[in-house]
Amino acid sequence: MNKILLSLILLISTSVIFHSKAQAQKADNGNFFNTVVNNHNQIFEMSCIPSVVEMVLKYYKVVDFDFYDLQNEWQNKMDGSFRDFDKKDLYGITFSQQFVLPRDATFPIDSLFQTIENELKAEKKVIISLPSDTGWHMFVICEQTPDGEFVSYSKLGTHTLILRNTKEIVRKSNGTEIMTYSIHN
């Protein structure tokens, strides 16, 4: 009996150790909208930056779907930006702020779009800042349509936001910042 109990404890311990060191994996066949967006909320009015970071973490299954720690810490922080997550490693994923440039006629929009396309081809998502009625709101670009447009998702409370004209919005605002990430296994 003691040998069986010891074997069972060793099996459970090995399973827990393996699980804690598991590599990041994409959620449910990579369907970001159904597995992540529909199961996520932005819980504070000003927590859109940590909200989209949480969506990426949930997509890679490095946190549970009830994970809201980043938003709970941030709450309604008014002076936050992508800089708060730049070069920050969270659960084996390091985020990088890019295209921190003046939004004017000299902004390298073609380079921005190529960077986003390259990330999408590498089966990654891209976090993007886009103008909204109240200033700026953060979205996750998840796919590129056959005609070349980017599709972006976000949350506003429990309400899901879907943009199918992301490139058009970026052009009208003369550029924007993005966050990309790398995964460390």
Protein backbone atom coordinates (compact mmCIF):
# COMPACT_ATOMS: atom_id res chain seq x y z
CA MET A 1 0.00 0.00 0.00
CA ASN A 2 2.81 2.43 0.91
CA LYS A 3 4.55 1.70 -2.43
CA ILE A 4 1.35 2.48 -4.34
CA LEU A 5 0.85 5.69 -2.38
CA LEU A 6 4.48 6.73 -2.93
CA SER A 7 4.20 5.97 -6.66
CA LEU A 8 1.03 8.04 -6.89
CA ILE A 9 2.66 10.99 -5.07
CA LEU A 10 5.69 10.81 -7.39
CA LEU A 11 3.43 10.71 -10.44
CA ILE A 12 1.45 13.75 -9.28
CA SER A 13 4.64 15.66 -8.35
CA THR A 14 6.20 14.92 -11.74
CA SER A 15 3.03 16.06 -13.46
CA VAL A 16 2.95 19.35 -11.50
CA ILE A 17 6.65 20.03 -12.22
CA PHE A 18 6.18 19.31 -15.93
CA HIS A 19 3.09 21.52 -16.09
CA SER A 20 4.84 24.47 -14.46
CA LYS A 21 7.67 24.30 -16.99
CA ALA A 22 5.43 23.67 -20.00
CA GLN A 23 6.04 25.69 -23.11
CA ALA A 24 3.62 28.37 -24.17
CA GLN A 25 0.98 26.88 -26.43
CA LYS A 26 -1.72 28.59 -28.42
CA ALA A 27 -5.29 28.31 -27.20
CA ASP A 28 -7.65 25.88 -28.93
CA ASN A 29 -6.36 25.61 -32.50
CA GLY A 30 -5.36 29.27 -32.47
CA ASN A 31 -8.91 30.63 -32.68
CA PHE A 32 -8.26 33.92 -30.86
CA PHE A 33 -11.77 35.31 -31.13
CA ASN A 34 -13.68 32.28 -29.81
CA THR A 35 -11.20 31.16 -27.16
CA VAL A 36 -9.88 34.47 -25.86
CA VAL A 37 -11.91 37.54 -26.82
CA ASN A 38 -15.28 36.00 -25.98
CA ASN A 39 -13.97 34.92 -22.57
CA HIS A 40 -12.26 38.16 -21.59
CA ASN A 41 -13.37 41.55 -20.23
CA GLN A 42 -11.80 44.94 -19.75
CA ILE A 43 -12.65 45.48 -16.11
CA PHE A 44 -11.69 49.16 -15.66
CA GLU A 45 -12.42 52.09 -17.95
CA MET A 46 -8.70 52.89 -18.38
CA SER A 47 -7.25 49.36 -18.32
CA CYS A 48 -7.18 48.68 -22.07
CA ILE A 49 -3.37 48.32 -22.22
CA PRO A 50 -3.10 45.56 -19.59
CA SER A 51 -6.33 44.07 -20.96
CA VAL A 52 -4.82 43.39 -24.40
CA VAL A 53 -1.62 42.06 -22.79
CA GLU A 54 -3.77 39.66 -20.76
CA MET A 55 -5.49 38.52 -23.97
CA VAL A 56 -2.12 37.60 -25.49
CA LEU A 57 -1.11 35.74 -22.32
CA LYS A 58 -4.43 33.87 -22.37
CA TYR A 59 -3.98 33.03 -26.05
CA TYR A 60 -0.72 31.26 -25.23
CA LYS A 61 -2.25 29.54 -22.19
CA VAL A 62 0.40 30.86 -19.81
CA VAL A 63 -2.36 32.20 -17.55
CA ASP A 64 -5.90 31.01 -16.86
CA PHE A 65 -8.98 32.59 -18.42
CA ASP A 66 -9.87 34.15 -15.05
CA PHE A 67 -6.51 36.00 -14.92
CA TYR A 68 -7.00 39.75 -14.46
CA ASP A 69 -3.96 40.55 -12.30
CA LEU A 70 -2.51 43.13 -14.71
CA GLN A 71 -5.76 45.08 -14.91
CA ASN A 72 -6.34 44.84 -11.16
CA GLU A 73 -2.88 46.31 -10.54
CA TRP A 74 -3.33 49.03 -13.21
CA GLN A 75 -6.97 49.89 -12.49
CA ASN A 76 -7.69 53.37 -13.94
CA LYS A 77 -4.09 54.52 -14.30
CA MET A 78 -4.26 57.66 -16.45
CA ASP A 79 -0.58 58.07 -17.38
CA GLY A 80 0.11 54.56 -18.66
CA SER A 81 1.50 53.61 -22.05
CA PHE A 82 3.07 50.71 -23.91
CA ARG A 83 6.31 51.81 -22.20
CA ASP A 84 4.95 50.17 -19.02
CA PHE A 85 5.27 46.77 -20.74
CA ASP A 86 8.31 47.42 -22.94
CA LYS A 87 10.99 44.73 -22.43
CA LYS A 88 8.84 43.22 -19.70
CA ASP A 89 8.84 39.44 -19.40
CA LEU A 90 5.52 38.00 -18.30
CA TYR A 91 5.21 34.23 -17.98
CA GLY A 92 7.90 33.59 -20.62
CA ILE A 93 6.63 36.20 -23.08
CA THR A 94 8.63 39.43 -23.51
CA PHE A 95 6.78 42.43 -24.92
CA SER A 96 8.43 45.14 -27.05
CA GLN A 97 7.15 48.63 -27.80
CA GLN A 98 7.78 49.69 -31.42
CA PHE A 99 7.23 52.72 -33.68
CA VAL A 100 7.41 55.30 -30.92
CA LEU A 101 7.59 58.14 -33.43
CA PRO A 102 5.77 61.38 -34.14
CA ARG A 103 2.45 60.77 -35.86
CA ASP A 104 2.96 62.95 -38.89
CA ALA A 105 3.67 62.83 -42.64
CA THR A 106 7.14 61.33 -42.03
CA PHE A 107 5.82 58.30 -40.12
CA PRO A 108 7.00 55.05 -41.81
CA ILE A 109 3.53 53.53 -42.29
CA ASP A 110 4.72 50.99 -44.90
CA SER A 111 7.38 49.74 -42.46
CA LEU A 112 4.77 49.51 -39.69
CA PHE A 113 2.44 47.50 -41.91
CA GLN A 114 5.28 45.19 -43.02
CA THR A 115 6.23 44.57 -39.37
CA ILE A 116 2.62 43.65 -38.58
CA GLU A 117 2.42 41.35 -41.62
CA ASN A 118 5.64 39.62 -40.60
CA GLU A 119 4.33 39.02 -37.08
CA LEU A 120 1.06 37.62 -38.42
CA LYS A 121 2.95 35.34 -40.83
CA ALA A 122 4.91 34.09 -37.81
CA GLU A 123 1.51 33.22 -36.27
CA LYS A 124 1.74 35.94 -33.64
CA LYS A 125 -0.66 38.70 -32.69
CA VAL A 126 0.19 42.42 -32.61
CA ILE A 127 -1.03 44.91 -30.02
CA ILE A 128 -1.88 48.28 -31.55
CA SER A 129 -2.97 51.69 -30.30
CA LEU A 130 -5.79 53.23 -32.31
CA PRO A 131 -7.68 56.52 -31.96
CA SER A 132 -11.14 56.35 -30.41
CA ASP A 133 -13.83 58.79 -29.34
CA THR A 134 -12.18 59.26 -25.96
CA GLY A 135 -8.51 59.33 -27.02
CA TRP A 136 -6.78 56.04 -27.80
CA HIS A 137 -7.82 52.42 -27.30
CA MET A 138 -5.76 49.25 -27.58
CA PHE A 139 -6.57 46.36 -29.90
CA VAL A 140 -5.03 43.04 -30.85
CA ILE A 141 -4.48 42.50 -34.57
CA CYS A 142 -5.25 38.85 -35.23
CA GLU A 143 -5.40 38.35 -38.95
CA GLN A 144 -4.99 39.81 -42.40
CA THR A 145 -7.81 39.53 -44.91
CA PRO A 146 -7.23 38.41 -48.53
CA ASP A 147 -7.43 42.07 -49.61
CA GLY A 148 -4.60 42.96 -47.19
CA GLU A 149 -6.58 44.69 -44.42
CA PHE A 150 -5.93 43.88 -40.75
CA VAL A 151 -8.68 42.64 -38.40
CA SER A 152 -8.37 43.83 -34.80
CA TYR A 153 -10.22 42.90 -31.61
CA SER A 154 -10.62 44.55 -28.23
CA LYS A 155 -12.95 44.71 -25.29
CA LEU A 156 -14.71 47.64 -23.68
CA GLY A 157 -16.09 46.18 -20.50
CA THR A 158 -17.92 43.06 -21.68
CA HIS A 159 -18.56 44.54 -25.14
CA THR A 160 -16.45 43.12 -27.98
CA LEU A 161 -14.98 45.56 -30.49
CA ILE A 162 -14.04 44.33 -33.98
CA LEU A 163 -12.31 46.52 -36.55
CA ARG A 164 -11.96 45.38 -40.13
CA ASN A 165 -10.34 48.61 -41.36
CA THR A 166 -7.26 48.90 -39.13
CA LYS A 167 -4.93 50.07 -41.93
CA GLU A 168 -7.34 52.84 -42.90
CA ILE A 169 -7.50 54.06 -39.29
CA VAL A 170 -3.69 54.04 -38.99
CA ARG A 171 -3.31 56.00 -42.23
CA LYS A 172 -5.82 58.64 -41.09
CA SER A 173 -3.96 59.07 -37.79
CA ASN A 174 -0.54 59.31 -39.52
CA GLY A 175 0.84 56.24 -37.75
CA THR A 176 0.73 54.61 -34.35
CA GLU A 177 2.64 52.49 -31.85
CA ILE A 178 2.53 48.73 -31.64
CA MET A 179 3.71 46.05 -29.24
CA THR A 180 5.14 42.80 -30.46
CA TYR A 181 6.43 39.95 -28.34
CA SER A 182 8.83 37.05 -28.27
CA ILE A 183 8.23 33.72 -26.56
CA HIS A 184 10.94 32.15 -24.42
CA ASN A 185 10.57 28.41 -23.97
